[in-house]
Amino acid sequence: MIEKSLGIFETNSVSSSINALSVIIKENSVNVINKQVIGDGIVALIFTGNLGALKKAFKKGAEHLSASNEFRVFHIIPMPHKNLLSLFGIRG
């Protein structure tokens, strides 16, 4: 297990994901790892960082998108197992 957390931030469109990404990456302790277009316009952005920084950044991103109803959900997994991280090409 590692000390950093894994975060997933979902939006309803590619453009809203770019908009949210602009807000989220301003948090210094957050690193974008990947994006995945799931289908029907849904986009999942994958991040790593410390737990507090991810929570703060994701809340800012969700608030930024709240007026447009483009935010779906976010999940943060504290100290994920290295095998989970390997699914995203991250070395633990």
PDB file of N, CA and C in Angstrom:
ATOM      1  N   MET A   1       0.846  -1.177   0.000  1.00  0.00           N
ATOM      2  CA  MET A   1       0.000   0.000   0.000  1.00  0.00           C
ATOM      3  C   MET A   1       0.894   1.244   0.000  1.00  0.00           C
ATOM      4  N   ILE A   2       0.337   2.329  -0.488  1.00  0.00           N
ATOM      5  CA  ILE A   2       1.104   3.562  -0.571  1.00  0.00           C
ATOM      6  C   ILE A   2       0.379   4.670   0.169  1.00  0.00           C
ATOM      7  N   GLU A   3       1.075   5.787   0.385  1.00  0.00           N
ATOM      8  CA  GLU A   3       0.498   6.873   1.158  1.00  0.00           C
ATOM      9  C   GLU A   3      -0.379   7.799   0.337  1.00  0.00           C
ATOM     10  N   LYS A   4      -0.214   7.827  -0.976  1.00  0.00           N
ATOM     11  CA  LYS A   4      -1.056   8.719  -1.761  1.00  0.00           C
ATOM     12  C   LYS A   4      -2.417   8.082  -2.011  1.00  0.00           C
ATOM     13  N   SER A   5      -3.363   8.923  -2.381  1.00  0.00           N
ATOM     14  CA  SER A   5      -4.726   8.463  -2.642  1.00  0.00           C
ATOM     15  C   SER A   5      -5.003   8.481  -4.135  1.00  0.00           C
ATOM     16  N   LEU A   6      -6.003   7.718  -4.532  1.00  0.00           N
ATOM     17  CA  LEU A   6      -6.463   7.657  -5.915  1.00  0.00           C
ATOM     18  C   LEU A   6      -7.830   8.321  -5.970  1.00  0.00           C
ATOM     19  N   GLY A   7      -8.022   9.232  -6.911  1.00  0.00           N
ATOM     20  CA  GLY A   7      -9.297   9.931  -7.024  1.00  0.00           C
ATOM     21  C   GLY A   7      -9.882   9.807  -8.415  1.00  0.00           C
ATOM     22  N   ILE A   8     -11.205   9.675  -8.475  1.00  0.00           N
ATOM     23  CA  ILE A   8     -11.937   9.593  -9.738  1.00  0.00           C
ATOM     24  C   ILE A   8     -13.017  10.667  -9.709  1.00  0.00           C
ATOM     25  N   PHE A   9     -13.041  11.524 -10.726  1.00  0.00           N
ATOM     26  CA  PHE A   9     -13.983  12.636 -10.814  1.00  0.00           C
ATOM     27  C   PHE A   9     -14.757  12.475 -12.119  1.00  0.00           C
ATOM     28  N   GLU A  10     -16.080  12.329 -12.044  1.00  0.00           N
ATOM     29  CA  GLU A  10     -16.898  12.078 -13.232  1.00  0.00           C
ATOM     30  C   GLU A  10     -17.733  13.296 -13.611  1.00  0.00           C
ATOM     31  N   THR A  11     -17.804  13.537 -14.930  1.00  0.00           N
ATOM     32  CA  THR A  11     -18.622  14.620 -15.475  1.00  0.00           C
ATOM     33  C   THR A  11     -19.518  14.071 -16.581  1.00  0.00           C
ATOM     34  N   ASN A  12     -20.441  14.909 -17.031  1.00  0.00           N
ATOM     35  CA  ASN A  12     -21.403  14.496 -18.057  1.00  0.00           C
ATOM     36  C   ASN A  12     -20.972  14.796 -19.486  1.00  0.00           C
ATOM     37  N   SER A  13     -19.822  15.443 -19.682  1.00  0.00           N
ATOM     38  CA  SER A  13     -19.387  15.745 -21.046  1.00  0.00           C
ATOM     39  C   SER A  13     -17.882  15.993 -21.079  1.00  0.00           C
ATOM     40  N   VAL A  14     -17.329  15.926 -22.269  1.00  0.00           N
ATOM     41  CA  VAL A  14     -15.900  16.184 -22.443  1.00  0.00           C
ATOM     42  C   VAL A  14     -15.590  17.637 -22.100  1.00  0.00           C
ATOM     43  N   SER A  15     -16.420  18.560 -22.566  1.00  0.00           N
ATOM     44  CA  SER A  15     -16.151  19.975 -22.294  1.00  0.00           C
ATOM     45  C   SER A  15     -16.222  20.287 -20.802  1.00  0.00           C
ATOM     46  N   SER A  16     -17.166  19.687 -20.084  1.00  0.00           N
ATOM     47  CA  SER A  16     -17.238  19.941 -18.641  1.00  0.00           C
ATOM     48  C   SER A  16     -16.062  19.302 -17.910  1.00  0.00           C
ATOM     49  N   SER A  17     -15.547  18.193 -18.427  1.00  0.00           N
ATOM     50  CA  SER A  17     -14.374  17.579 -17.795  1.00  0.00           C
ATOM     51  C   SER A  17     -13.152  18.479 -17.948  1.00  0.00           C
ATOM     52  N   ILE A  18     -13.007  19.115 -19.093  1.00  0.00           N
ATOM     53  CA  ILE A  18     -11.899  20.047 -19.305  1.00  0.00           C
ATOM     54  C   ILE A  18     -12.053  21.253 -18.389  1.00  0.00           C
ATOM     55  N   ASN A  19     -13.276  21.736 -18.259  1.00  0.00           N
ATOM     56  CA  ASN A  19     -13.571  22.860 -17.379  1.00  0.00           C
ATOM     57  C   ASN A  19     -13.224  22.514 -15.930  1.00  0.00           C
ATOM     58  N   ALA A  20     -13.657  21.349 -15.469  1.00  0.00           N
ATOM     59  CA  ALA A  20     -13.356  20.915 -14.101  1.00  0.00           C
ATOM     60  C   ALA A  20     -11.860  20.671 -13.921  1.00  0.00           C
ATOM     61  N   LEU A  21     -11.234  20.083 -14.916  1.00  0.00           N
ATOM     62  CA  LEU A  21      -9.801  19.796 -14.844  1.00  0.00           C
ATOM     63  C   LEU A  21      -9.002  21.076 -14.620  1.00  0.00           C
ATOM     64  N   SER A  22      -9.412  22.143 -15.273  1.00  0.00           N
ATOM     65  CA  SER A  22      -8.747  23.428 -15.118  1.00  0.00           C
ATOM     66  C   SER A  22      -8.766  23.898 -13.663  1.00  0.00           C
ATOM     67  N   VAL A  23      -9.876  23.672 -12.981  1.00  0.00           N
ATOM     68  CA  VAL A  23     -10.002  24.061 -11.572  1.00  0.00           C
ATOM     69  C   VAL A  23      -9.236  23.092 -10.673  1.00  0.00           C
ATOM     70  N   ILE A  24      -9.371  21.804 -10.925  1.00  0.00           N
ATOM     71  CA  ILE A  24      -8.800  20.777 -10.048  1.00  0.00           C
ATOM     72  C   ILE A  24      -7.273  20.790 -10.043  1.00  0.00           C
ATOM     73  N   ILE A  25      -6.653  20.947 -11.201  1.00  0.00           N
ATOM     74  CA  ILE A  25      -5.186  20.835 -11.250  1.00  0.00           C
ATOM     75  C   ILE A  25      -4.478  22.052 -10.664  1.00  0.00           C
ATOM     76  N   LYS A  26      -5.224  23.073 -10.315  1.00  0.00           N
ATOM     77  CA  LYS A  26      -4.602  24.219  -9.644  1.00  0.00           C
ATOM     78  C   LYS A  26      -4.159  23.871  -8.228  1.00  0.00           C
ATOM     79  N   GLU A  27      -4.640  22.746  -7.711  1.00  0.00           N
ATOM     80  CA  GLU A  27      -4.202  22.249  -6.405  1.00  0.00           C
ATOM     81  C   GLU A  27      -2.839  21.585  -6.598  1.00  0.00           C
ATOM     82  N   ASN A  28      -1.808  22.109  -5.947  1.00  0.00           N
ATOM     83  CA  ASN A  28      -0.432  21.663  -6.178  1.00  0.00           C
ATOM     84  C   ASN A  28      -0.180  20.188  -5.898  1.00  0.00           C
ATOM     85  N   SER A  29      -0.897  19.608  -4.965  1.00  0.00           N
ATOM     86  CA  SER A  29      -0.626  18.225  -4.561  1.00  0.00           C
ATOM     87  C   SER A  29      -1.444  17.200  -5.328  1.00  0.00           C
ATOM     88  N   VAL A  30      -2.082  17.618  -6.416  1.00  0.00           N
ATOM     89  CA  VAL A  30      -2.949  16.738  -7.197  1.00  0.00           C
ATOM     90  C   VAL A  30      -2.337  16.535  -8.577  1.00  0.00           C
ATOM     91  N   ASN A  31      -2.253  15.277  -9.013  1.00  0.00           N
ATOM     92  CA  ASN A  31      -1.694  14.958 -10.331  1.00  0.00           C
ATOM     93  C   ASN A  31      -2.726  14.230 -11.166  1.00  0.00           C
ATOM     94  N   VAL A  32      -2.969  14.730 -12.375  1.00  0.00           N
ATOM     95  CA  VAL A  32      -3.887  14.036 -13.277  1.00  0.00           C
ATOM     96  C   VAL A  32      -3.128  12.872 -13.907  1.00  0.00           C
ATOM     97  N   ILE A  33      -3.758  11.712 -13.923  1.00  0.00           N
ATOM     98  CA  ILE A  33      -3.133  10.499 -14.442  1.00  0.00           C
ATOM     99  C   ILE A  33      -3.699  10.119 -15.800  1.00  0.00           C
ATOM    100  N   ASN A  34      -5.019  10.226 -15.939  1.00  0.00           N
ATOM    101  CA  ASN A  34      -5.665   9.741 -17.155  1.00  0.00           C
ATOM    102  C   ASN A  34      -7.077  10.292 -17.236  1.00  0.00           C
ATOM    103  N   LYS A  35      -7.665  10.167 -18.402  1.00  0.00           N
ATOM    104  CA  LYS A  35      -9.092  10.420 -18.573  1.00  0.00           C
ATOM    105  C   LYS A  35      -9.673   9.240 -19.327  1.00  0.00           C
ATOM    106  N   GLN A  36     -10.906   8.929 -19.037  1.00  0.00           N
ATOM    107  CA  GLN A  36     -11.573   7.813 -19.701  1.00  0.00           C
ATOM    108  C   GLN A  36     -12.958   8.268 -20.122  1.00  0.00           C
ATOM    109  N   VAL A  37     -13.246   8.218 -21.427  1.00  0.00           N
ATOM    110  CA  VAL A  37     -14.595   8.493 -21.911  1.00  0.00           C
ATOM    111  C   VAL A  37     -15.364   7.188 -21.778  1.00  0.00           C
ATOM    112  N   ILE A  38     -16.372   7.195 -20.927  1.00  0.00           N
ATOM    113  CA  ILE A  38     -17.078   5.968 -20.576  1.00  0.00           C
ATOM    114  C   ILE A  38     -18.178   5.645 -21.575  1.00  0.00           C
ATOM    115  N   GLY A  39     -18.886   6.636 -22.039  1.00  0.00           N
ATOM    116  CA  GLY A  39     -19.998   6.455 -22.963  1.00  0.00           C
ATOM    117  C   GLY A  39     -21.082   7.458 -22.643  1.00  0.00           C
ATOM    118  N   ASP A  40     -21.922   7.756 -23.620  1.00  0.00           N
ATOM    119  CA  ASP A  40     -22.979   8.756 -23.456  1.00  0.00           C
ATOM    120  C   ASP A  40     -22.424  10.080 -22.952  1.00  0.00           C
ATOM    121  N   GLY A  41     -21.185  10.379 -23.297  1.00  0.00           N
ATOM    122  CA  GLY A  41     -20.563  11.637 -22.908  1.00  0.00           C
ATOM    123  C   GLY A  41     -19.938  11.648 -21.533  1.00  0.00           C
ATOM    124  N   ILE A  42     -20.130  10.615 -20.752  1.00  0.00           N
ATOM    125  CA  ILE A  42     -19.588  10.578 -19.395  1.00  0.00           C
ATOM    126  C   ILE A  42     -18.067  10.427 -19.451  1.00  0.00           C
ATOM    127  N   VAL A  43     -17.380  11.262 -18.680  1.00  0.00           N
ATOM    128  CA  VAL A  43     -15.923  11.247 -18.642  1.00  0.00           C
ATOM    129  C   VAL A  43     -15.470  11.055 -17.199  1.00  0.00           C
ATOM    130  N   ALA A  44     -14.516  10.152 -16.993  1.00  0.00           N
ATOM    131  CA  ALA A  44     -13.900   9.954 -15.682  1.00  0.00           C
ATOM    132  C   ALA A  44     -12.468  10.466 -15.748  1.00  0.00           C
ATOM    133  N   LEU A  45     -12.138  11.377 -14.853  1.00  0.00           N
ATOM    134  CA  LEU A  45     -10.780  11.887 -14.727  1.00  0.00           C
ATOM    135  C   LEU A  45     -10.129  11.172 -13.547  1.00  0.00           C
ATOM    136  N   ILE A  46      -8.911  10.678 -13.734  1.00  0.00           N
ATOM    137  CA  ILE A  46      -8.212   9.907 -12.709  1.00  0.00           C
ATOM    138  C   ILE A  46      -7.046  10.742 -12.170  1.00  0.00           C
ATOM    139  N   PHE A  47      -6.945  10.827 -10.840  1.00  0.00           N
ATOM    140  CA  PHE A  47      -5.925  11.635 -10.178  1.00  0.00           C
ATOM    141  C   PHE A  47      -5.240  10.844  -9.077  1.00  0.00           C
ATOM    142  N   THR A  48      -4.049  11.287  -8.710  1.00  0.00           N
ATOM    143  CA  THR A  48      -3.414  10.859  -7.471  1.00  0.00           C
ATOM    144  C   THR A  48      -3.041  12.107  -6.685  1.00  0.00           C
ATOM    145  N   GLY A  49      -2.855  11.921  -5.396  1.00  0.00           N
ATOM    146  CA  GLY A  49      -2.461  13.027  -4.529  1.00  0.00           C
ATOM    147  C   GLY A  49      -2.748  12.665  -3.095  1.00  0.00           C
ATOM    148  N   ASN A  50      -2.427  13.582  -2.186  1.00  0.00           N
ATOM    149  CA  ASN A  50      -2.750  13.279  -0.796  1.00  0.00           C
ATOM    150  C   ASN A  50      -4.249  13.463  -0.587  1.00  0.00           C
ATOM    151  N   LEU A  51      -4.774  12.791   0.414  1.00  0.00           N
ATOM    152  CA  LEU A  51      -6.216  12.738   0.647  1.00  0.00           C
ATOM    153  C   LEU A  51      -6.831  14.126   0.793  1.00  0.00           C
ATOM    154  N   GLY A  52      -6.235  14.964   1.611  1.00  0.00           N
ATOM    155  CA  GLY A  52      -6.774  16.305   1.837  1.00  0.00           C
ATOM    156  C   GLY A  52      -6.790  17.152   0.578  1.00  0.00           C
ATOM    157  N   ALA A  53      -5.731  17.075  -0.205  1.00  0.00           N
ATOM    158  CA  ALA A  53      -5.647  17.861  -1.439  1.00  0.00           C
ATOM    159  C   ALA A  53      -6.688  17.404  -2.452  1.00  0.00           C
ATOM    160  N   LEU A  54      -6.890  16.086  -2.570  1.00  0.00           N
ATOM    161  CA  LEU A  54      -7.903  15.578  -3.498  1.00  0.00           C
ATOM    162  C   LEU A  54      -9.303  16.023  -3.080  1.00  0.00           C
ATOM    163  N   LYS A  55      -9.613  15.918  -1.787  1.00  0.00           N
ATOM    164  CA  LYS A  55     -10.934  16.350  -1.311  1.00  0.00           C
ATOM    165  C   LYS A  55     -11.175  17.820  -1.621  1.00  0.00           C
ATOM    166  N   LYS A  56     -10.185  18.649  -1.298  1.00  0.00           N
ATOM    167  CA  LYS A  56     -10.303  20.092  -1.529  1.00  0.00           C
ATOM    168  C   LYS A  56     -10.471  20.399  -3.018  1.00  0.00           C
ATOM    169  N   ALA A  57      -9.633  19.794  -3.841  1.00  0.00           N
ATOM    170  CA  ALA A  57      -9.676  20.046  -5.281  1.00  0.00           C
ATOM    171  C   ALA A  57     -10.979  19.541  -5.903  1.00  0.00           C
ATOM    172  N   PHE A  58     -11.436  18.356  -5.502  1.00  0.00           N
ATOM    173  CA  PHE A  58     -12.670  17.797  -6.057  1.00  0.00           C
ATOM    174  C   PHE A  58     -13.889  18.609  -5.634  1.00  0.00           C
ATOM    175  N   LYS A  59     -13.897  19.103  -4.401  1.00  0.00           N
ATOM    176  CA  LYS A  59     -15.013  19.954  -3.964  1.00  0.00           C
ATOM    177  C   LYS A  59     -15.061  21.234  -4.785  1.00  0.00           C
ATOM    178  N   LYS A  60     -13.897  21.814  -5.061  1.00  0.00           N
ATOM    179  CA  LYS A  60     -13.841  23.014  -5.900  1.00  0.00           C
ATOM    180  C   LYS A  60     -14.340  22.710  -7.312  1.00  0.00           C
ATOM    181  N   GLY A  61     -13.915  21.580  -7.866  1.00  0.00           N
ATOM    182  CA  GLY A  61     -14.361  21.192  -9.204  1.00  0.00           C
ATOM    183  C   GLY A  61     -15.858  20.957  -9.263  1.00  0.00           C
ATOM    184  N   ALA A  62     -16.405  20.296  -8.248  1.00  0.00           N
ATOM    185  CA  ALA A  62     -17.849  20.030  -8.192  1.00  0.00           C
ATOM    186  C   ALA A  62     -18.634  21.327  -8.054  1.00  0.00           C
ATOM    187  N   GLU A  63     -18.164  22.233  -7.204  1.00  0.00           N
ATOM    188  CA  GLU A  63     -18.828  23.531  -7.046  1.00  0.00           C
ATOM    189  C   GLU A  63     -18.794  24.318  -8.346  1.00  0.00           C
ATOM    190  N   HIS A  64     -17.673  24.256  -9.034  1.00  0.00           N
ATOM    191  CA  HIS A  64     -17.520  24.984 -10.298  1.00  0.00           C
ATOM    192  C   HIS A  64     -18.531  24.516 -11.345  1.00  0.00           C
ATOM    193  N   LEU A  65     -18.841  23.219 -11.346  1.00  0.00           N
ATOM    194  CA  LEU A  65     -19.772  22.668 -12.335  1.00  0.00           C
ATOM    195  C   LEU A  65     -21.222  22.631 -11.856  1.00  0.00           C
ATOM    196  N   SER A  66     -21.471  22.964 -10.603  1.00  0.00           N
ATOM    197  CA  SER A  66     -22.808  22.766 -10.023  1.00  0.00           C
ATOM    198  C   SER A  66     -23.911  23.535 -10.745  1.00  0.00           C
ATOM    199  N   ALA A  67     -23.631  24.724 -11.232  1.00  0.00           N
ATOM    200  CA  ALA A  67     -24.660  25.522 -11.907  1.00  0.00           C
ATOM    201  C   ALA A  67     -25.107  24.897 -13.225  1.00  0.00           C
ATOM    202  N   SER A  68     -24.227  24.154 -13.863  1.00  0.00           N
ATOM    203  CA  SER A  68     -24.549  23.578 -15.172  1.00  0.00           C
ATOM    204  C   SER A  68     -25.052  22.138 -15.094  1.00  0.00           C
ATOM    205  N   ASN A  69     -25.098  21.559 -13.903  1.00  0.00           N
ATOM    206  CA  ASN A  69     -25.504  20.157 -13.716  1.00  0.00           C
ATOM    207  C   ASN A  69     -24.638  19.180 -14.511  1.00  0.00           C
ATOM    208  N   GLU A  70     -23.392  19.521 -14.738  1.00  0.00           N
ATOM    209  CA  GLU A  70     -22.481  18.658 -15.493  1.00  0.00           C
ATOM    210  C   GLU A  70     -21.655  17.743 -14.590  1.00  0.00           C
ATOM    211  N   PHE A  71     -21.655  17.999 -13.284  1.00  0.00           N
ATOM    212  CA  PHE A  71     -20.923  17.155 -12.343  1.00  0.00           C
ATOM    213  C   PHE A  71     -21.740  15.912 -12.041  1.00  0.00           C
ATOM    214  N   ARG A  72     -21.099  14.742 -12.013  1.00  0.00           N
ATOM    215  CA  ARG A  72     -21.779  13.488 -11.675  1.00  0.00           C
ATOM    216  C   ARG A  72     -21.441  13.051 -10.252  1.00  0.00           C
ATOM    217  N   VAL A  73     -20.189  12.683 -10.026  1.00  0.00           N
ATOM    218  CA  VAL A  73     -19.793  12.141  -8.722  1.00  0.00           C
ATOM    219  C   VAL A  73     -18.273  12.118  -8.641  1.00  0.00           C
ATOM    220  N   PHE A  74     -17.740  12.095  -7.425  1.00  0.00           N
ATOM    221  CA  PHE A  74     -16.320  11.803  -7.272  1.00  0.00           C
ATOM    222  C   PHE A  74     -16.132  10.773  -6.170  1.00  0.00           C
ATOM    223  N   HIS A  75     -15.052  10.020  -6.307  1.00  0.00           N
ATOM    224  CA  HIS A  75     -14.677   8.998  -5.326  1.00  0.00           C
ATOM    225  C   HIS A  75     -13.193   9.160  -5.035  1.00  0.00           C
ATOM    226  N   ILE A  76     -12.835   8.990  -3.775  1.00  0.00           N
ATOM    227  CA  ILE A  76     -11.428   9.019  -3.379  1.00  0.00           C
ATOM    228  C   ILE A  76     -11.131   7.743  -2.599  1.00  0.00           C
ATOM    229  N   ILE A  77     -10.084   7.061  -3.013  1.00  0.00           N
ATOM    230  CA  ILE A  77      -9.670   5.826  -2.345  1.00  0.00           C
ATOM    231  C   ILE A  77      -8.352   6.118  -1.629  1.00  0.00           C
ATOM    232  N   PRO A  78      -8.390   6.235  -0.292  1.00  0.00           N
ATOM    233  CA  PRO A  78      -7.150   6.498   0.446  1.00  0.00           C
ATOM    234  C   PRO A  78      -6.247   5.258   0.456  1.00  0.00           C
ATOM    235  N   MET A  79      -4.979   5.474   0.285  1.00  0.00           N
ATOM    236  CA  MET A  79      -3.969   4.407   0.336  1.00  0.00           C
ATOM    237  C   MET A  79      -4.378   3.155  -0.445  1.00  0.00           C
ATOM    238  N   PRO A  80      -4.620   3.294  -1.745  1.00  0.00           N
ATOM    239  CA  PRO A  80      -5.020   2.121  -2.529  1.00  0.00           C
ATOM    240  C   PRO A  80      -3.882   1.103  -2.631  1.00  0.00           C
ATOM    241  N   HIS A  81      -4.256  -0.134  -2.789  1.00  0.00           N
ATOM    242  CA  HIS A  81      -3.270  -1.205  -2.951  1.00  0.00           C
ATOM    243  C   HIS A  81      -2.554  -1.024  -4.285  1.00  0.00           C
ATOM    244  N   LYS A  82      -1.294  -1.419  -4.335  1.00  0.00           N
ATOM    245  CA  LYS A  82      -0.501  -1.251  -5.559  1.00  0.00           C
ATOM    246  C   LYS A  82      -1.100  -1.995  -6.745  1.00  0.00           C
ATOM    247  N   ASN A  83      -1.798  -3.092  -6.520  1.00  0.00           N
ATOM    248  CA  ASN A  83      -2.422  -3.815  -7.633  1.00  0.00           C
ATOM    249  C   ASN A  83      -3.552  -3.008  -8.261  1.00  0.00           C
ATOM    250  N   LEU A  84      -4.268  -2.238  -7.458  1.00  0.00           N
ATOM    251  CA  LEU A  84      -5.305  -1.358  -7.995  1.00  0.00           C
ATOM    252  C   LEU A  84      -4.671  -0.256  -8.829  1.00  0.00           C
ATOM    253  N   LEU A  85      -3.603   0.326  -8.329  1.00  0.00           N
ATOM    254  CA  LEU A  85      -2.919   1.388  -9.068  1.00  0.00           C
ATOM    255  C   LEU A  85      -2.368   0.891 -10.393  1.00  0.00           C
ATOM    256  N   SER A  86      -1.938  -0.361 -10.434  1.00  0.00           N
ATOM    257  CA  SER A  86      -1.374  -0.898 -11.672  1.00  0.00           C
ATOM    258  C   SER A  86      -2.404  -0.937 -12.803  1.00  0.00           C
ATOM    259  N   LEU A  87      -3.689  -0.977 -12.469  1.00  0.00           N
ATOM    260  CA  LEU A  87      -4.734  -0.917 -13.501  1.00  0.00           C
ATOM    261  C   LEU A  87      -4.690   0.395 -14.273  1.00  0.00           C
ATOM    262  N   PHE A  88      -4.165   1.436 -13.631  1.00  0.00           N
ATOM    263  CA  PHE A  88      -4.071   2.755 -14.248  1.00  0.00           C
ATOM    264  C   PHE A  88      -2.656   3.081 -14.692  1.00  0.00           C
ATOM    265  N   GLY A  89      -1.773   2.082 -14.646  1.00  0.00           N
ATOM    266  CA  GLY A  89      -0.395   2.290 -15.068  1.00  0.00           C
ATOM    267  C   GLY A  89       0.442   3.052 -14.060  1.00  0.00           C
ATOM    268  N   ILE A  90       0.029   3.031 -12.786  1.00  0.00           N
ATOM    269  CA  ILE A  90       0.746   3.732 -11.728  1.00  0.00           C
ATOM    270  C   ILE A  90       1.532   2.706 -10.925  1.00  0.00           C
ATOM    271  N   ARG A  91       2.793   2.988 -10.696  1.00  0.00           N
ATOM    272  CA  ARG A  91       3.612   2.093  -9.872  1.00  0.00           C
ATOM    273  C   ARG A  91       3.458   2.465  -8.410  1.00  0.00           C
ATOM    274  N   GLY A  92       3.236   1.448  -7.570  1.00  0.00           N
ATOM    275  CA  GLY A  92       3.023   1.686  -6.141  1.00  0.00           C
ATOM    276  C   GLY A  92       4.269   1.713  -5.329  1.00  0.00           C
TER     277      GLY A  92
END
